[in-house]
Amino acid sequence: MSELHQCPVCGMEVNTSNLWADHLGTTYYFCIEQCKENFLARPRLYLGKSSIKNVGKCILKRRTFLLAEPVVGLNRETLLMHLNQLMSVHNVVLEGGRVSIDYDLLEVHAEQIEAVLIKAGASMGAGWATRFKRSWIHYIEETELDNLAASDAACCNKAPAKV
C-alpha cells in the first residue's frame, strides 16, 4: 500500500508511486511533471514555512501568444483540452491566431505553455518580432522567479556594509 504525500508545488496529495525527486537528502513527490520541473528549477520557492508558495502568494500573469495560423474546429477543442490540463491556467481565450491565458507564475510559466501549444499541434508565430517578444517574456519570468527564490542574505557571504 502506498503512502500519501503532499506535492510541494501545488499542494495536491500524491502517492509514492508517482513522480519524485531528491533534494538535500529528502524525497519529494509530485502530482505531474510540470510540478517536478518547477520544483527542481527553484526549490527555495516551495520549501520552508516562509517560502513564497507557503505564505499563500500567487503571481498572476496574463499573456497573449501569437500563433502562425488561426485555430478552428477540432484543433480548437484539442488546444483547449491541453491548456486546461496545465496546473494553474485560468481563463483561456482563443481568438483567431491569438491565445490569451491567465496563469499563476509560481506553478506554470510561458515556456511550458508554449510547449503545450506546440504539443497540441499549434505553430507559434515565426516572425522575428514575435520570437523576440517570446524570448523577452521567458527572460522576464525567469528573472522574476530567480529573484523570488534568492535569499535575503548579503551578496558573496559578506556582511552588509554599515552606513
N, C-alpha and C. Protein backbone atom coordinates (compact mmCIF):
# COMPACT_ATOMS: atom_id res chain seq x y z
N MET A 1 0.84 -1.17 0.00
CA MET A 1 0.00 0.00 0.00
C MET A 1 0.89 1.24 0.00
N SER A 2 0.59 2.18 -0.87
CA SER A 2 1.43 3.36 -0.99
C SER A 2 1.00 4.46 -0.02
N GLU A 3 1.98 5.22 0.38
CA GLU A 3 1.79 6.31 1.32
C GLU A 3 1.40 7.58 0.58
N LEU A 4 0.59 8.43 1.18
CA LEU A 4 0.22 9.70 0.56
C LEU A 4 1.16 10.81 1.03
N HIS A 5 1.55 11.66 0.09
CA HIS A 5 2.41 12.81 0.36
C HIS A 5 1.78 14.03 -0.30
N GLN A 6 2.26 15.20 0.09
CA GLN A 6 1.74 16.44 -0.49
C GLN A 6 2.76 16.98 -1.49
N CYS A 7 2.29 17.33 -2.69
CA CYS A 7 3.14 17.93 -3.70
C CYS A 7 3.59 19.30 -3.18
N PRO A 8 4.90 19.58 -3.12
CA PRO A 8 5.36 20.85 -2.58
C PRO A 8 5.02 22.06 -3.45
N VAL A 9 4.71 21.84 -4.71
CA VAL A 9 4.43 22.95 -5.62
C VAL A 9 2.97 23.37 -5.57
N CYS A 10 2.06 22.42 -5.71
CA CYS A 10 0.64 22.77 -5.79
C CYS A 10 -0.17 22.35 -4.57
N GLY A 11 0.40 21.49 -3.72
CA GLY A 11 -0.30 21.09 -2.50
C GLY A 11 -1.22 19.89 -2.65
N MET A 12 -1.31 19.31 -3.85
CA MET A 12 -2.17 18.14 -4.05
C MET A 12 -1.57 16.92 -3.35
N GLU A 13 -2.44 16.01 -2.93
CA GLU A 13 -1.96 14.76 -2.34
C GLU A 13 -1.61 13.78 -3.45
N VAL A 14 -0.44 13.16 -3.32
CA VAL A 14 0.04 12.19 -4.32
C VAL A 14 0.55 10.96 -3.59
N ASN A 15 0.57 9.83 -4.29
CA ASN A 15 1.13 8.64 -3.65
C ASN A 15 2.58 8.45 -4.07
N THR A 16 3.27 7.59 -3.36
CA THR A 16 4.71 7.44 -3.56
C THR A 16 5.09 6.81 -4.90
N SER A 17 4.15 6.24 -5.61
CA SER A 17 4.49 5.62 -6.89
C SER A 17 4.57 6.64 -8.02
N ASN A 18 4.17 7.86 -7.76
CA ASN A 18 4.19 8.90 -8.79
C ASN A 18 5.59 9.50 -8.95
N LEU A 19 5.68 10.62 -9.63
CA LEU A 19 6.94 11.31 -9.85
C LEU A 19 7.58 11.71 -8.53
N TRP A 20 8.91 11.65 -8.46
CA TRP A 20 9.60 12.03 -7.24
C TRP A 20 10.97 12.59 -7.59
N ALA A 21 11.55 13.29 -6.62
CA ALA A 21 12.91 13.82 -6.75
C ALA A 21 13.51 13.98 -5.36
N ASP A 22 14.82 13.83 -5.28
CA ASP A 22 15.53 14.06 -4.02
C ASP A 22 16.10 15.46 -4.03
N HIS A 23 15.98 16.13 -2.90
CA HIS A 23 16.59 17.46 -2.73
C HIS A 23 17.15 17.54 -1.33
N LEU A 24 18.47 17.72 -1.23
CA LEU A 24 19.17 17.83 0.05
C LEU A 24 18.83 16.67 1.00
N GLY A 25 18.79 15.46 0.44
CA GLY A 25 18.56 14.27 1.25
C GLY A 25 17.11 13.95 1.56
N THR A 26 16.19 14.74 1.09
CA THR A 26 14.77 14.49 1.33
C THR A 26 14.10 14.16 0.00
N THR A 27 13.22 13.18 0.00
CA THR A 27 12.49 12.80 -1.20
C THR A 27 11.16 13.53 -1.23
N TYR A 28 10.87 14.16 -2.36
CA TYR A 28 9.61 14.88 -2.57
C TYR A 28 8.86 14.21 -3.71
N TYR A 29 7.54 14.17 -3.58
CA TYR A 29 6.68 13.54 -4.59
C TYR A 29 5.82 14.59 -5.26
N PHE A 30 5.54 14.39 -6.55
CA PHE A 30 4.84 15.39 -7.35
C PHE A 30 3.66 14.77 -8.07
N CYS A 31 2.66 15.60 -8.33
CA CYS A 31 1.45 15.12 -9.00
C CYS A 31 1.64 15.02 -10.51
N ILE A 32 2.36 15.96 -11.10
CA ILE A 32 2.60 15.95 -12.55
C ILE A 32 4.03 16.40 -12.83
N GLU A 33 4.49 16.14 -14.04
CA GLU A 33 5.85 16.51 -14.46
C GLU A 33 6.08 18.02 -14.36
N GLN A 34 5.06 18.81 -14.64
CA GLN A 34 5.15 20.27 -14.56
C GLN A 34 5.57 20.72 -13.15
N CYS A 35 4.98 20.13 -12.12
CA CYS A 35 5.32 20.48 -10.74
C CYS A 35 6.76 20.07 -10.42
N LYS A 36 7.16 18.89 -10.87
CA LYS A 36 8.52 18.41 -10.62
C LYS A 36 9.53 19.34 -11.28
N GLU A 37 9.27 19.73 -12.52
CA GLU A 37 10.16 20.61 -13.26
C GLU A 37 10.31 21.96 -12.55
N ASN A 38 9.19 22.53 -12.09
CA ASN A 38 9.23 23.81 -11.40
C ASN A 38 9.99 23.71 -10.08
N PHE A 39 9.77 22.63 -9.35
CA PHE A 39 10.44 22.44 -8.06
C PHE A 39 11.95 22.31 -8.25
N LEU A 40 12.37 21.48 -9.19
CA LEU A 40 13.80 21.26 -9.39
C LEU A 40 14.52 22.53 -9.86
N ALA A 41 13.82 23.39 -10.58
CA ALA A 41 14.42 24.64 -11.05
C ALA A 41 14.64 25.62 -9.89
N ARG A 42 13.71 25.68 -8.94
CA ARG A 42 13.78 26.64 -7.84
C ARG A 42 13.15 26.08 -6.57
N PRO A 43 13.80 25.16 -5.89
CA PRO A 43 13.20 24.56 -4.69
C PRO A 43 12.93 25.55 -3.57
N ARG A 44 13.70 26.64 -3.48
CA ARG A 44 13.51 27.63 -2.40
C ARG A 44 12.13 28.28 -2.46
N LEU A 45 11.52 28.31 -3.64
CA LEU A 45 10.18 28.91 -3.74
C LEU A 45 9.12 28.08 -3.02
N TYR A 46 9.39 26.79 -2.83
CA TYR A 46 8.36 25.88 -2.35
C TYR A 46 8.64 25.24 -0.99
N LEU A 47 9.85 25.42 -0.46
CA LEU A 47 10.21 24.76 0.80
C LEU A 47 10.30 25.76 1.95
N GLY A 48 9.95 25.31 3.12
CA GLY A 48 10.05 26.13 4.32
C GLY A 48 8.76 26.87 4.62
N LYS A 49 8.59 27.20 5.90
CA LYS A 49 7.36 27.87 6.33
C LYS A 49 7.21 29.26 5.73
N SER A 50 8.34 29.94 5.47
CA SER A 50 8.25 31.30 4.95
C SER A 50 8.45 31.37 3.44
N SER A 51 8.40 30.23 2.76
CA SER A 51 8.56 30.24 1.30
C SER A 51 7.40 30.98 0.65
N ILE A 52 7.65 31.50 -0.52
CA ILE A 52 6.65 32.28 -1.26
C ILE A 52 5.36 31.49 -1.41
N LYS A 53 5.46 30.23 -1.78
CA LYS A 53 4.27 29.41 -2.01
C LYS A 53 3.52 29.12 -0.71
N ASN A 54 4.26 28.87 0.37
CA ASN A 54 3.62 28.51 1.64
C ASN A 54 2.97 29.68 2.35
N VAL A 55 3.33 30.91 2.01
CA VAL A 55 2.65 32.06 2.61
C VAL A 55 1.42 32.44 1.80
N GLY A 56 1.11 31.65 0.79
CA GLY A 56 -0.11 31.85 0.02
C GLY A 56 0.00 32.87 -1.10
N LYS A 57 1.21 33.20 -1.50
CA LYS A 57 1.39 34.18 -2.56
C LYS A 57 1.09 33.55 -3.92
N CYS A 58 0.49 34.35 -4.77
CA CYS A 58 0.14 33.93 -6.12
C CYS A 58 0.59 35.05 -7.06
N ILE A 59 1.28 34.71 -8.14
CA ILE A 59 1.74 35.73 -9.08
C ILE A 59 0.98 35.53 -10.38
N LEU A 60 -0.11 36.26 -10.52
CA LEU A 60 -0.95 36.11 -11.71
C LEU A 60 -0.36 36.85 -12.90
N LYS A 61 -0.37 36.18 -14.03
CA LYS A 61 0.12 36.76 -15.29
C LYS A 61 -0.97 36.59 -16.33
N ARG A 62 -1.01 37.53 -17.25
CA ARG A 62 -1.90 37.42 -18.41
C ARG A 62 -1.03 37.62 -19.64
N ARG A 63 -1.01 36.62 -20.49
CA ARG A 63 -0.18 36.67 -21.69
C ARG A 63 -1.03 36.32 -22.91
N THR A 64 -0.64 36.90 -24.04
CA THR A 64 -1.25 36.56 -25.31
C THR A 64 -0.16 35.95 -26.19
N PHE A 65 -0.41 34.74 -26.65
CA PHE A 65 0.52 34.03 -27.51
C PHE A 65 0.02 34.12 -28.94
N LEU A 66 0.90 34.54 -29.85
CA LEU A 66 0.54 34.65 -31.26
C LEU A 66 0.89 33.36 -31.98
N LEU A 67 -0.09 32.82 -32.69
CA LEU A 67 0.11 31.59 -33.44
C LEU A 67 0.32 31.91 -34.91
N ALA A 68 0.91 30.96 -35.64
CA ALA A 68 1.19 31.15 -37.06
C ALA A 68 -0.10 31.21 -37.88
N GLU A 69 -1.13 30.50 -37.42
CA GLU A 69 -2.41 30.49 -38.14
C GLU A 69 -3.57 30.37 -37.16
N PRO A 70 -4.76 30.78 -37.57
CA PRO A 70 -5.93 30.71 -36.68
C PRO A 70 -6.27 29.28 -36.28
N VAL A 71 -6.83 29.15 -35.09
CA VAL A 71 -7.24 27.84 -34.58
C VAL A 71 -8.74 27.69 -34.82
N VAL A 72 -9.12 26.61 -35.52
CA VAL A 72 -10.54 26.38 -35.83
C VAL A 72 -10.91 24.92 -35.61
N GLY A 73 -12.20 24.67 -35.49
CA GLY A 73 -12.75 23.32 -35.44
C GLY A 73 -12.21 22.45 -34.33
N LEU A 74 -11.84 21.21 -34.71
CA LEU A 74 -11.35 20.24 -33.74
C LEU A 74 -10.03 20.67 -33.11
N ASN A 75 -9.22 21.38 -33.88
CA ASN A 75 -7.95 21.88 -33.32
C ASN A 75 -8.20 22.79 -32.12
N ARG A 76 -9.27 23.55 -32.20
CA ARG A 76 -9.64 24.47 -31.11
C ARG A 76 -9.94 23.68 -29.83
N GLU A 77 -10.74 22.63 -29.96
CA GLU A 77 -11.10 21.81 -28.80
C GLU A 77 -9.88 21.08 -28.23
N THR A 78 -9.03 20.57 -29.12
CA THR A 78 -7.81 19.88 -28.68
C THR A 78 -6.90 20.84 -27.92
N LEU A 79 -6.75 22.04 -28.46
CA LEU A 79 -5.91 23.05 -27.83
C LEU A 79 -6.44 23.43 -26.44
N LEU A 80 -7.74 23.65 -26.35
CA LEU A 80 -8.35 24.00 -25.06
C LEU A 80 -8.17 22.87 -24.05
N MET A 81 -8.34 21.63 -24.49
CA MET A 81 -8.19 20.48 -23.60
C MET A 81 -6.76 20.42 -23.05
N HIS A 82 -5.76 20.57 -23.92
CA HIS A 82 -4.36 20.52 -23.49
C HIS A 82 -4.02 21.66 -22.53
N LEU A 83 -4.48 22.86 -22.84
CA LEU A 83 -4.17 24.01 -21.98
C LEU A 83 -4.84 23.90 -20.62
N ASN A 84 -6.05 23.38 -20.59
CA ASN A 84 -6.76 23.24 -19.31
C ASN A 84 -6.19 22.14 -18.43
N GLN A 85 -5.33 21.27 -19.00
CA GLN A 85 -4.67 20.24 -18.21
C GLN A 85 -3.47 20.78 -17.44
N LEU A 86 -3.00 21.96 -17.84
CA LEU A 86 -1.89 22.57 -17.12
C LEU A 86 -2.35 23.06 -15.76
N MET A 87 -1.46 22.99 -14.79
CA MET A 87 -1.75 23.45 -13.44
C MET A 87 -1.82 24.98 -13.42
N SER A 88 -2.81 25.53 -12.76
CA SER A 88 -2.96 26.97 -12.53
C SER A 88 -3.14 27.80 -13.79
N VAL A 89 -3.74 27.24 -14.83
CA VAL A 89 -4.10 28.02 -16.01
C VAL A 89 -5.56 28.39 -15.87
N HIS A 90 -5.86 29.67 -16.00
CA HIS A 90 -7.23 30.17 -15.85
C HIS A 90 -7.60 30.96 -17.10
N ASN A 91 -8.84 31.00 -17.41
CA ASN A 91 -9.36 31.90 -18.44
C ASN A 91 -8.59 31.84 -19.76
N VAL A 92 -8.75 30.76 -20.50
CA VAL A 92 -8.13 30.62 -21.82
C VAL A 92 -9.10 31.16 -22.86
N VAL A 93 -8.63 32.10 -23.70
CA VAL A 93 -9.46 32.69 -24.75
C VAL A 93 -8.74 32.50 -26.08
N LEU A 94 -9.41 31.83 -27.03
CA LEU A 94 -8.87 31.64 -28.37
C LEU A 94 -9.60 32.56 -29.33
N GLU A 95 -8.86 33.46 -29.95
CA GLU A 95 -9.45 34.37 -30.94
C GLU A 95 -8.56 34.36 -32.18
N GLY A 96 -9.00 33.68 -33.20
CA GLY A 96 -8.21 33.61 -34.42
C GLY A 96 -6.85 32.98 -34.16
N GLY A 97 -5.80 33.74 -34.42
CA GLY A 97 -4.44 33.27 -34.20
C GLY A 97 -3.85 33.72 -32.88
N ARG A 98 -4.69 34.10 -31.94
CA ARG A 98 -4.23 34.56 -30.62
C ARG A 98 -4.80 33.66 -29.53
N VAL A 99 -3.95 33.35 -28.56
CA VAL A 99 -4.36 32.59 -27.39
C VAL A 99 -4.03 33.44 -26.17
N SER A 100 -5.06 33.90 -25.46
CA SER A 100 -4.86 34.69 -24.24
C SER A 100 -5.08 33.79 -23.04
N ILE A 101 -4.14 33.84 -22.09
CA ILE A 101 -4.19 32.94 -20.94
C ILE A 101 -3.83 33.71 -19.67
N ASP A 102 -4.57 33.43 -18.61
CA ASP A 102 -4.23 33.91 -17.27
C ASP A 102 -3.65 32.71 -16.52
N TYR A 103 -2.54 32.92 -15.80
CA TYR A 103 -1.92 31.80 -15.08
C TYR A 103 -1.12 32.30 -13.88
N ASP A 104 -0.84 31.37 -12.97
CA ASP A 104 -0.03 31.65 -11.79
C ASP A 104 1.42 31.28 -12.12
N LEU A 105 2.29 32.27 -12.10
CA LEU A 105 3.69 32.07 -12.47
C LEU A 105 4.41 31.08 -11.55
N LEU A 106 3.96 30.93 -10.32
CA LEU A 106 4.62 30.00 -9.40
C LEU A 106 4.37 28.55 -9.79
N GLU A 107 3.35 28.28 -10.60
CA GLU A 107 3.04 26.90 -10.96
C GLU A 107 3.21 26.59 -12.45
N VAL A 108 3.20 27.60 -13.29
CA VAL A 108 3.41 27.38 -14.72
C VAL A 108 3.99 28.66 -15.31
N HIS A 109 4.80 28.53 -16.34
CA HIS A 109 5.35 29.72 -16.98
C HIS A 109 5.19 29.65 -18.49
N ALA A 110 5.46 30.76 -19.15
CA ALA A 110 5.18 30.90 -20.58
C ALA A 110 5.84 29.82 -21.42
N GLU A 111 7.06 29.46 -21.08
CA GLU A 111 7.76 28.44 -21.86
C GLU A 111 7.03 27.09 -21.80
N GLN A 112 6.49 26.74 -20.64
CA GLN A 112 5.72 25.49 -20.51
C GLN A 112 4.42 25.58 -21.30
N ILE A 113 3.78 26.74 -21.28
CA ILE A 113 2.54 26.92 -22.04
C ILE A 113 2.81 26.79 -23.53
N GLU A 114 3.90 27.40 -24.01
CA GLU A 114 4.26 27.29 -25.42
C GLU A 114 4.53 25.84 -25.82
N ALA A 115 5.19 25.09 -24.95
CA ALA A 115 5.46 23.67 -25.24
C ALA A 115 4.16 22.89 -25.39
N VAL A 116 3.17 23.20 -24.55
CA VAL A 116 1.87 22.52 -24.64
C VAL A 116 1.15 22.94 -25.92
N LEU A 117 1.23 24.21 -26.29
CA LEU A 117 0.61 24.67 -27.54
C LEU A 117 1.20 23.91 -28.73
N ILE A 118 2.51 23.76 -28.76
CA ILE A 118 3.17 23.04 -29.85
C ILE A 118 2.80 21.57 -29.83
N LYS A 119 2.78 20.97 -28.64
CA LYS A 119 2.40 19.55 -28.50
C LYS A 119 0.97 19.32 -28.99
N ALA A 120 0.10 20.31 -28.80
CA ALA A 120 -1.30 20.18 -29.21
C ALA A 120 -1.48 20.43 -30.71
N GLY A 121 -0.41 20.78 -31.41
CA GLY A 121 -0.49 20.94 -32.86
C GLY A 121 -0.50 22.37 -33.35
N ALA A 122 -0.38 23.34 -32.47
CA ALA A 122 -0.34 24.74 -32.89
C ALA A 122 1.08 25.12 -33.28
N SER A 123 1.20 26.04 -34.22
CA SER A 123 2.51 26.56 -34.61
C SER A 123 2.63 27.97 -34.07
N MET A 124 3.72 28.24 -33.39
CA MET A 124 3.93 29.57 -32.84
C MET A 124 4.31 30.53 -33.97
N GLY A 125 3.97 31.80 -33.80
CA GLY A 125 4.34 32.82 -34.78
C GLY A 125 5.85 32.81 -34.99
N ALA A 126 6.29 32.95 -36.24
CA ALA A 126 7.71 32.79 -36.55
C ALA A 126 8.41 34.08 -36.92
N GLY A 127 7.70 35.20 -36.93
CA GLY A 127 8.35 36.47 -37.27
C GLY A 127 9.38 36.84 -36.22
N TRP A 128 10.38 37.65 -36.61
CA TRP A 128 11.45 37.99 -35.67
C TRP A 128 10.93 38.75 -34.47
N ALA A 129 9.95 39.62 -34.67
CA ALA A 129 9.40 40.40 -33.55
C ALA A 129 8.67 39.48 -32.56
N THR A 130 7.94 38.52 -33.08
CA THR A 130 7.21 37.57 -32.23
C THR A 130 8.19 36.70 -31.45
N ARG A 131 9.23 36.21 -32.12
CA ARG A 131 10.24 35.40 -31.44
C ARG A 131 10.97 36.21 -30.37
N PHE A 132 11.28 37.46 -30.68
CA PHE A 132 11.95 38.33 -29.71
C PHE A 132 11.05 38.56 -28.49
N LYS A 133 9.77 38.81 -28.73
CA LYS A 133 8.84 39.05 -27.62
C LYS A 133 8.75 37.81 -26.73
N ARG A 134 8.65 36.62 -27.34
CA ARG A 134 8.59 35.38 -26.55
C ARG A 134 9.86 35.19 -25.73
N SER A 135 11.01 35.43 -26.33
CA SER A 135 12.28 35.30 -25.61
C SER A 135 12.36 36.30 -24.46
N TRP A 136 11.89 37.51 -24.70
CA TRP A 136 11.90 38.54 -23.66
C TRP A 136 11.00 38.14 -22.49
N ILE A 137 9.83 37.60 -22.80
CA ILE A 137 8.91 37.15 -21.74
C ILE A 137 9.55 36.01 -20.94
N HIS A 138 10.21 35.06 -21.63
CA HIS A 138 10.89 33.97 -20.92
C HIS A 138 11.93 34.55 -19.96
N TYR A 139 12.71 35.51 -20.45
CA TYR A 139 13.75 36.13 -19.63
C TYR A 139 13.14 36.84 -18.42
N ILE A 140 12.10 37.60 -18.63
CA ILE A 140 11.45 38.34 -17.53
C ILE A 140 10.91 37.37 -16.48
N GLU A 141 10.24 36.31 -16.92
CA GLU A 141 9.68 35.35 -15.97
C GLU A 141 10.77 34.62 -15.21
N GLU A 142 11.83 34.20 -15.91
CA GLU A 142 12.95 33.52 -15.24
C GLU A 142 13.59 34.44 -14.20
N THR A 143 13.79 35.70 -14.56
CA THR A 143 14.39 36.66 -13.64
C THR A 143 13.50 36.89 -12.43
N GLU A 144 12.21 37.03 -12.66
CA GLU A 144 11.27 37.24 -11.54
C GLU A 144 11.29 36.05 -10.59
N LEU A 145 11.27 34.84 -11.13
CA LEU A 145 11.31 33.64 -10.29
C LEU A 145 12.65 33.51 -9.56
N ASP A 146 13.75 33.81 -10.25
CA ASP A 146 15.06 33.75 -9.61
C ASP A 146 15.16 34.76 -8.47
N ASN A 147 14.62 35.95 -8.66
CA ASN A 147 14.64 36.97 -7.61
C ASN A 147 13.80 36.54 -6.41
N LEU A 148 12.66 35.92 -6.67
CA LEU A 148 11.82 35.43 -5.57
C LEU A 148 12.50 34.30 -4.80
N ALA A 149 13.28 33.48 -5.51
CA ALA A 149 13.94 32.34 -4.88
C ALA A 149 15.23 32.73 -4.16
N ALA A 150 15.75 33.91 -4.44
CA ALA A 150 17.00 34.35 -3.82
C ALA A 150 16.81 34.59 -2.33
N SER A 151 17.86 34.34 -1.59
CA SER A 151 17.78 34.57 -0.14
C SER A 151 17.95 36.05 0.16
N ASP A 152 17.62 36.42 1.37
CA ASP A 152 17.76 37.81 1.80
C ASP A 152 19.16 38.10 2.32
N ALA A 153 20.06 37.15 2.23
CA ALA A 153 21.42 37.31 2.74
C ALA A 153 22.21 38.29 1.87
N ALA A 154 23.27 38.79 2.42
CA ALA A 154 24.14 39.69 1.68
C ALA A 154 24.86 38.92 0.58
N CYS A 155 25.29 39.61 -0.43
CA CYS A 155 25.98 39.02 -1.56
C CYS A 155 27.34 38.45 -1.14
N CYS A 156 27.74 37.36 -1.73
CA CYS A 156 29.07 36.76 -1.56
C CYS A 156 29.39 36.40 -0.12
N ASN A 157 28.40 36.11 0.69
CA ASN A 157 28.58 35.73 2.09
C ASN A 157 29.28 36.79 2.93
N LYS A 158 29.21 38.04 2.50
CA LYS A 158 29.78 39.14 3.27
C LYS A 158 28.66 39.85 4.02
N ALA A 159 29.02 40.36 5.15
CA ALA A 159 28.03 41.13 5.90
C ALA A 159 27.71 42.41 5.15
N PRO A 160 26.48 42.90 5.24
CA PRO A 160 26.14 44.15 4.56
C PRO A 160 26.95 45.31 5.14
N ALA A 161 27.25 46.26 4.29
CA ALA A 161 28.02 47.44 4.71
C ALA A 161 27.23 48.26 5.71
N LYS A 162 27.91 48.74 6.72
CA LYS A 162 27.25 49.59 7.72
C LYS A 162 27.35 51.03 7.28
N VAL A 163 26.26 51.73 7.39
CA VAL A 163 26.23 53.13 6.97
C VAL A 163 26.33 54.04 8.15
